[in-house]
Amino acid sequence: MPVSVPDWLLARFEAIYKDPAHYEASYYGPVNMLLTCYFSATDGFMVKPQARLRDPPAPGARTSIDSFGQDVGTHATDGNPDFLVSTGSAQLNSDIPLLIWEVKKPEVSDEDAAKQMDRYIEWAKRYQRNLAPEMKAVIWAMLVFGSQCRVFRLDPHSEFVNFYDGEQTTGDKVRQLLQSIRDKVIN
């Protein structure tokens, strides 16, 4: 069933695009609402703001198991994307990441944004490599600069990352992508 995004929310995004907010965090409320339109708890999803992406433990270090069932350690370089969409369940370690969404103000340099996104993509690729073959799934990543975004498709069976640039953040293509990610899980 196609998701309906409220007109007021799309108008809110248009207002932000025309008069960009001073703080990156000002985008978080509308983005959270957009993501929860597509990825609702009643359909078995979790939208995780500022999710901690933890790396494998260092030799001899303390370990834990994260919500994705991976052995992890705690490092100063752990990533925290603005949003991580995953499947949800009552179990504490069986979530499956589906989408990483990172927001940047338009004036942030491409180099700085790319470095941060590269860390998130490397985490996602490492996660995919550690999964059993039958559990492997595509993970999508979005780097959003105001009204425009870069979309990354991380295929679990390839080290190559597909990249699409210049998509409108709340445009038809991105909304169709969100719909397709949702549909693959619930159908």
Protein backbone atom coordinates (compact mmCIF):
# COMPACT_ATOMS: atom_id res chain seq x y z
CA MET A 1 0.00 0.00 0.00
CA PRO A 2 1.51 3.36 -1.01
CA VAL A 3 2.50 5.60 1.87
CA SER A 4 0.89 9.01 2.01
CA VAL A 5 3.10 11.85 3.21
CA PRO A 6 1.02 14.72 4.65
CA ASP A 7 0.97 17.84 2.48
CA TRP A 8 1.87 20.00 5.49
CA LEU A 9 5.09 18.00 5.97
CA LEU A 10 6.13 18.42 2.33
CA ALA A 11 5.33 22.14 2.62
CA ARG A 12 7.52 22.28 5.76
CA PHE A 13 10.43 20.83 3.78
CA GLU A 14 9.86 23.38 1.02
CA ALA A 15 9.98 26.17 3.63
CA ILE A 16 13.28 24.82 5.00
CA TYR A 17 14.71 24.58 1.47
CA LYS A 18 13.82 28.22 0.76
CA ASP A 19 15.04 29.54 4.11
CA PRO A 20 17.66 27.07 5.39
CA ALA A 21 17.74 26.62 9.14
CA HIS A 22 20.77 27.85 11.06
CA TYR A 23 21.29 24.54 12.87
CA GLU A 24 21.45 21.08 11.30
CA ALA A 25 19.25 19.79 14.14
CA SER A 26 16.39 21.94 12.83
CA TYR A 27 16.00 19.43 10.00
CA TYR A 28 15.67 16.45 12.36
CA GLY A 29 11.98 16.84 13.25
CA PRO A 30 10.75 16.92 9.64
CA VAL A 31 13.16 14.14 8.62
CA ASN A 32 12.01 11.98 11.54
CA MET A 33 8.39 12.53 10.51
CA LEU A 34 9.14 11.65 6.88
CA LEU A 35 10.96 8.47 7.84
CA THR A 36 8.25 7.39 10.29
CA CYS A 37 5.62 7.87 7.57
CA TYR A 38 7.38 5.13 5.60
CA PHE A 39 8.86 3.09 8.43
CA SER A 40 6.25 2.83 11.17
CA ALA A 41 6.51 0.74 14.31
CA THR A 42 3.20 -0.96 13.48
CA ASP A 43 4.82 -2.30 10.29
CA GLY A 44 7.87 -3.63 12.18
CA PHE A 45 10.40 -0.83 11.70
CA MET A 46 12.50 1.32 14.01
CA VAL A 47 13.75 4.80 13.16
CA LYS A 48 16.80 5.29 15.36
CA PRO A 49 17.94 8.90 15.80
CA GLN A 50 21.68 9.24 16.41
CA ALA A 51 22.20 5.46 16.36
CA ARG A 52 25.65 4.40 17.44
CA LEU A 53 27.52 2.43 14.78
CA ARG A 54 30.09 0.45 16.69
CA ASP A 55 33.10 -1.27 15.18
CA PRO A 56 34.39 -4.76 15.96
CA PRO A 57 36.24 -5.00 19.27
CA ALA A 58 39.98 -4.50 19.47
CA PRO A 59 41.96 -7.61 20.46
CA GLY A 60 41.69 -8.13 24.21
CA ALA A 61 39.12 -5.36 24.63
CA ARG A 62 35.70 -5.72 26.22
CA THR A 63 33.02 -6.83 23.82
CA SER A 64 29.29 -6.54 23.57
CA ILE A 65 26.61 -7.52 21.07
CA ASP A 66 24.78 -4.67 19.39
CA SER A 67 21.15 -4.51 18.26
CA PHE A 68 22.22 -6.00 14.93
CA GLY A 69 23.67 -9.13 16.58
CA GLN A 70 27.29 -8.14 15.86
CA ASP A 71 30.22 -8.44 18.28
CA VAL A 72 31.33 -4.87 18.95
CA GLY A 73 33.63 -2.79 21.09
CA THR A 74 33.45 0.84 22.09
CA HIS A 75 35.73 3.23 20.25
CA ALA A 76 36.09 7.00 20.24
CA THR A 77 35.55 6.86 16.46
CA ASP A 78 32.11 5.18 16.60
CA GLY A 79 29.80 6.79 14.09
CA ASN A 80 26.44 8.39 14.87
CA PRO A 81 24.44 9.04 11.71
CA ASP A 82 21.47 11.33 12.15
CA PHE A 83 19.05 8.46 11.49
CA LEU A 84 19.28 4.73 11.00
CA VAL A 85 16.21 2.82 9.85
CA SER A 86 16.13 -0.87 10.66
CA THR A 87 13.73 -3.69 11.13
CA GLY A 88 12.46 -3.90 14.68
CA SER A 89 11.53 -6.77 16.96
CA ALA A 90 11.22 -7.70 20.60
CA GLN A 91 14.71 -9.25 20.52
CA LEU A 92 17.59 -7.00 21.51
CA ASN A 93 20.04 -8.14 18.84
CA SER A 94 18.17 -9.06 15.66
CA ASP A 95 17.60 -5.69 13.96
CA ILE A 96 18.58 -5.44 10.30
CA PRO A 97 19.80 -2.03 9.09
CA LEU A 98 18.08 -0.79 5.95
CA LEU A 99 18.83 2.92 5.59
CA ILE A 100 21.39 5.41 6.90
CA TRP A 101 20.25 9.06 6.63
CA GLU A 102 22.76 11.84 7.27
CA VAL A 103 21.80 15.53 7.11
CA LYS A 104 24.28 18.30 6.35
CA LYS A 105 23.76 22.01 6.03
CA PRO A 106 24.42 23.08 2.44
CA GLU A 107 27.56 25.01 3.39
CA VAL A 108 29.35 21.94 4.82
CA SER A 109 32.25 21.01 2.54
CA ASP A 110 31.89 18.00 0.27
CA GLU A 111 35.17 16.66 1.66
CA ASP A 112 34.01 16.74 5.30
CA ALA A 113 30.63 15.23 4.48
CA ALA A 114 32.25 12.52 2.31
CA LYS A 115 34.65 11.50 5.10
CA GLN A 116 31.78 11.06 7.52
CA MET A 117 29.64 9.17 5.00
CA ASP A 118 32.59 6.94 4.08
CA ARG A 119 32.78 5.81 7.73
CA TYR A 120 29.08 4.92 7.73
CA ILE A 121 29.36 3.06 4.42
CA GLU A 122 32.39 1.12 5.65
CA TRP A 123 30.43 0.13 8.79
CA ALA A 124 27.49 -1.02 6.63
CA LYS A 125 29.73 -3.03 4.29
CA ARG A 126 31.47 -4.68 7.27
CA TYR A 127 28.05 -5.51 8.74
CA GLN A 128 26.96 -7.06 5.43
CA ARG A 129 30.14 -9.18 5.20
CA ASN A 130 29.47 -10.64 8.68
CA LEU A 131 25.91 -11.77 7.94
CA ALA A 132 24.86 -15.26 6.99
CA PRO A 133 24.14 -15.44 3.23
CA GLU A 134 20.38 -15.86 3.69
CA MET A 135 20.20 -12.66 5.81
CA LYS A 136 22.11 -10.38 3.44
CA ALA A 137 20.15 -7.33 2.33
CA VAL A 138 20.81 -4.09 0.48
CA ILE A 139 21.56 -1.15 2.75
CA TRP A 140 20.85 2.32 1.44
CA ALA A 141 22.57 5.51 2.60
CA MET A 142 21.47 9.08 1.97
CA LEU A 143 23.64 12.14 2.39
CA VAL A 144 21.29 15.11 2.42
CA PHE A 145 22.30 18.71 1.68
CA GLY A 146 19.08 20.69 2.04
CA SER A 147 16.85 20.00 -0.95
CA GLN A 148 19.41 17.75 -2.66
CA CYS A 149 20.79 14.39 -1.68
CA ARG A 150 23.27 11.76 -2.70
CA VAL A 151 22.00 8.20 -2.61
CA PHE A 152 24.26 5.20 -2.06
CA ARG A 153 23.21 1.59 -2.69
CA LEU A 154 25.28 -1.00 -0.84
CA ASP A 155 24.74 -4.41 -2.38
CA PRO A 156 25.64 -7.20 0.07
CA HIS A 157 27.17 -9.35 -2.69
CA SER A 158 29.57 -6.70 -4.01
CA GLU A 159 32.17 -4.37 -2.55
CA PHE A 160 31.17 -1.79 -5.16
CA VAL A 161 28.89 1.03 -3.95
CA ASN A 162 26.38 2.46 -6.43
CA PHE A 163 26.04 6.23 -6.22
CA TYR A 164 23.32 8.58 -7.45
CA ASP A 165 23.73 12.34 -7.12
CA GLY A 166 21.43 15.33 -7.33
CA GLU A 167 18.15 13.77 -6.28
CA GLN A 168 15.58 16.03 -4.65
CA THR A 169 15.39 15.05 -0.98
CA THR A 170 11.60 14.91 -0.83
CA GLY A 171 11.05 14.42 -4.56
CA ASP A 172 9.27 11.55 -6.25
CA LYS A 173 12.42 9.44 -6.81
CA VAL A 174 13.47 9.51 -3.16
CA ARG A 175 9.93 8.89 -1.94
CA GLN A 176 9.62 5.97 -4.37
CA LEU A 177 12.91 4.62 -3.03
CA LEU A 178 11.66 4.85 0.57
CA GLN A 179 8.46 3.09 -0.52
CA SER A 180 10.43 0.29 -2.20
CA ILE A 181 12.68 -0.25 0.85
CA ARG A 182 9.55 -0.51 3.00
CA ASP A 183 7.76 -2.81 0.56
CA LYS A 184 10.67 -5.28 0.31
CA VAL A 185 10.46 -5.86 4.06
CA ILE A 186 6.71 -6.03 4.62
CA ASN A 187 5.77 -7.96 1.46
